[in-house]
Amino acid sequence: MPMLEPLSVSNQFPDYPLPTLPDTSGMRDCSWHNDTCPSFRKGEFIVWVDWPNDADREVPGGHRFIVCALDDEGCLNDEQPVLETDDWAEVQAILN
């Protein structure tokens, strides 16, 4: 049986401009092609990193970074995001 490579931005979103990603070191890449953009997990949070060009986003005018809480089983904890922002420093403040 062939080994499958781990899910990642590069194999789930091959057209995503990787140089535009913020520093996601210390986070687990859990990007999935059925989502609208790459995602990363740290602790009890998941962070979606939308496309840098506003016109490429599912919701033009929406924020680039969306942080949601996860429950003990790793499922979305609430329907409301913890944070929606265009500022990566705000995301890091929540994750740390």
C-alpha atoms as a PDB file:
ATOM      1  CA  MET A   1       0.000   0.000   0.000  1.00  0.00           C
ATOM      2  CA  PRO A   2       1.500   3.374  -0.940  1.00  0.00           C
ATOM      3  CA  MET A   3       2.212   5.912   1.776  1.00  0.00           C
ATOM      4  CA  LEU A   4       0.118   9.026   1.576  1.00  0.00           C
ATOM      5  CA  GLU A   5       1.871  12.304   2.146  1.00  0.00           C
ATOM      6  CA  PRO A   6       0.581  14.374   5.078  1.00  0.00           C
ATOM      7  CA  LEU A   7      -1.999  17.035   4.358  1.00  0.00           C
ATOM      8  CA  SER A   8      -0.399  20.402   3.720  1.00  0.00           C
ATOM      9  CA  VAL A   9      -1.026  23.721   2.047  1.00  0.00           C
ATOM     10  CA  SER A  10       1.197  22.701  -0.848  1.00  0.00           C
ATOM     11  CA  ASN A  11      -0.681  19.484  -1.690  1.00  0.00           C
ATOM     12  CA  GLN A  12      -4.189  20.648  -0.760  1.00  0.00           C
ATOM     13  CA  PHE A  13      -3.970  24.162  -2.233  1.00  0.00           C
ATOM     14  CA  PRO A  14      -1.330  23.921  -4.976  1.00  0.00           C
ATOM     15  CA  ASP A  15      -2.177  27.418  -6.293  1.00  0.00           C
ATOM     16  CA  TYR A  16      -1.824  29.118  -2.904  1.00  0.00           C
ATOM     17  CA  PRO A  17       1.055  31.653  -2.917  1.00  0.00           C
ATOM     18  CA  LEU A  18       3.210  30.058  -0.202  1.00  0.00           C
ATOM     19  CA  PRO A  19       5.519  33.076   0.244  1.00  0.00           C
ATOM     20  CA  THR A  20       2.511  35.051   1.527  1.00  0.00           C
ATOM     21  CA  LEU A  21       1.860  32.681   4.457  1.00  0.00           C
ATOM     22  CA  PRO A  22       2.625  34.128   7.874  1.00  0.00           C
ATOM     23  CA  ASP A  23       5.014  32.263  10.178  1.00  0.00           C
ATOM     24  CA  THR A  24       3.052  29.171  11.203  1.00  0.00           C
ATOM     25  CA  SER A  25       5.942  27.386  12.912  1.00  0.00           C
ATOM     26  CA  GLY A  26       4.736  25.547  15.992  1.00  0.00           C
ATOM     27  CA  MET A  27       1.367  24.949  14.359  1.00  0.00           C
ATOM     28  CA  ARG A  28       0.105  21.769  12.699  1.00  0.00           C
ATOM     29  CA  ASP A  29      -0.868  22.202   9.064  1.00  0.00           C
ATOM     30  CA  CYS A  30      -4.335  20.688   8.742  1.00  0.00           C
ATOM     31  CA  SER A  31      -5.247  22.147   5.377  1.00  0.00           C
ATOM     32  CA  TRP A  32      -7.956  20.252   3.532  1.00  0.00           C
ATOM     33  CA  HIS A  33      -8.906  20.849  -0.087  1.00  0.00           C
ATOM     34  CA  ASN A  34     -12.645  20.897   0.670  1.00  0.00           C
ATOM     35  CA  ASP A  35     -12.154  23.995   2.840  1.00  0.00           C
ATOM     36  CA  THR A  36     -11.947  27.384   1.187  1.00  0.00           C
ATOM     37  CA  CYS A  37      -8.411  28.100   2.410  1.00  0.00           C
ATOM     38  CA  PRO A  38      -5.487  26.571   4.323  1.00  0.00           C
ATOM     39  CA  SER A  39      -5.790  25.970   8.058  1.00  0.00           C
ATOM     40  CA  PHE A  40      -3.440  25.404  10.961  1.00  0.00           C
ATOM     41  CA  ARG A  41      -4.009  24.085  14.458  1.00  0.00           C
ATOM     42  CA  LYS A  42      -2.384  25.091  17.713  1.00  0.00           C
ATOM     43  CA  GLY A  43      -3.717  23.798  21.016  1.00  0.00           C
ATOM     44  CA  GLU A  44      -7.437  24.333  21.218  1.00  0.00           C
ATOM     45  CA  PHE A  45      -7.562  26.667  18.218  1.00  0.00           C
ATOM     46  CA  ILE A  46      -7.747  26.350  14.464  1.00  0.00           C
ATOM     47  CA  VAL A  47      -6.715  29.246  12.240  1.00  0.00           C
ATOM     48  CA  TRP A  48      -7.853  29.637   8.663  1.00  0.00           C
ATOM     49  CA  VAL A  49      -5.476  31.684   6.525  1.00  0.00           C
ATOM     50  CA  ASP A  50      -7.465  33.005   3.606  1.00  0.00           C
ATOM     51  CA  TRP A  51      -6.027  34.085   0.279  1.00  0.00           C
ATOM     52  CA  PRO A  52      -3.934  37.263   0.407  1.00  0.00           C
ATOM     53  CA  ASN A  53      -5.787  38.827  -2.524  1.00  0.00           C
ATOM     54  CA  ASP A  54      -9.208  39.912  -1.327  1.00  0.00           C
ATOM     55  CA  ALA A  55     -10.804  39.108  -4.700  1.00  0.00           C
ATOM     56  CA  ASP A  56      -9.716  35.443  -4.365  1.00  0.00           C
ATOM     57  CA  ARG A  57     -11.459  34.903  -1.028  1.00  0.00           C
ATOM     58  CA  GLU A  58     -14.761  33.104  -0.679  1.00  0.00           C
ATOM     59  CA  VAL A  59     -16.145  36.272   0.904  1.00  0.00           C
ATOM     60  CA  PRO A  60     -14.496  39.313  -0.671  1.00  0.00           C
ATOM     61  CA  GLY A  61     -14.135  41.961   1.994  1.00  0.00           C
ATOM     62  CA  GLY A  62     -13.800  39.293   4.691  1.00  0.00           C
ATOM     63  CA  HIS A  63     -10.809  39.065   6.981  1.00  0.00           C
ATOM     64  CA  ARG A  64      -7.735  37.058   6.033  1.00  0.00           C
ATOM     65  CA  PHE A  65      -7.336  35.263   9.387  1.00  0.00           C
ATOM     66  CA  ILE A  66     -10.133  33.515  11.245  1.00  0.00           C
ATOM     67  CA  VAL A  67      -9.534  31.831  14.604  1.00  0.00           C
ATOM     68  CA  CYS A  68     -12.030  29.336  16.034  1.00  0.00           C
ATOM     69  CA  ALA A  69     -11.999  27.368  19.271  1.00  0.00           C
ATOM     70  CA  LEU A  70     -11.980  23.557  19.234  1.00  0.00           C
ATOM     71  CA  ASP A  71     -13.493  21.218  21.811  1.00  0.00           C
ATOM     72  CA  ASP A  72     -11.687  18.339  23.539  1.00  0.00           C
ATOM     73  CA  GLU A  73     -12.262  16.110  20.504  1.00  0.00           C
ATOM     74  CA  GLY A  74     -10.859  18.658  18.035  1.00  0.00           C
ATOM     75  CA  CYS A  75     -14.224  19.712  16.659  1.00  0.00           C
ATOM     76  CA  LEU A  76     -15.361  23.298  16.280  1.00  0.00           C
ATOM     77  CA  ASN A  77     -16.447  24.440  19.722  1.00  0.00           C
ATOM     78  CA  ASP A  78     -18.757  27.254  18.728  1.00  0.00           C
ATOM     79  CA  GLU A  79     -20.165  28.637  15.553  1.00  0.00           C
ATOM     80  CA  GLN A  80     -18.781  32.106  16.274  1.00  0.00           C
ATOM     81  CA  PRO A  81     -15.105  32.755  15.537  1.00  0.00           C
ATOM     82  CA  VAL A  82     -12.926  33.838  18.437  1.00  0.00           C
ATOM     83  CA  LEU A  83     -11.246  36.368  16.147  1.00  0.00           C
ATOM     84  CA  GLU A  84     -11.503  37.662  12.581  1.00  0.00           C
ATOM     85  CA  THR A  85      -8.652  39.960  11.582  1.00  0.00           C
ATOM     86  CA  ASP A  86      -6.148  40.968   8.939  1.00  0.00           C
ATOM     87  CA  ASP A  87      -3.409  41.365  11.565  1.00  0.00           C
ATOM     88  CA  TRP A  88      -1.299  38.228  12.195  1.00  0.00           C
ATOM     89  CA  ALA A  89      -0.001  39.740  15.467  1.00  0.00           C
ATOM     90  CA  GLU A  90      -3.560  39.594  16.853  1.00  0.00           C
ATOM     91  CA  VAL A  91      -3.748  35.901  15.927  1.00  0.00           C
ATOM     92  CA  GLN A  92      -0.423  35.203  17.661  1.00  0.00           C
ATOM     93  CA  ALA A  93      -1.617  37.014  20.799  1.00  0.00           C
ATOM     94  CA  ILE A  94      -4.542  34.579  21.103  1.00  0.00           C
ATOM     95  CA  LEU A  95      -2.453  31.496  20.322  1.00  0.00           C
ATOM     96  CA  ASN A  96       0.241  32.376  22.847  1.00  0.00           C
END
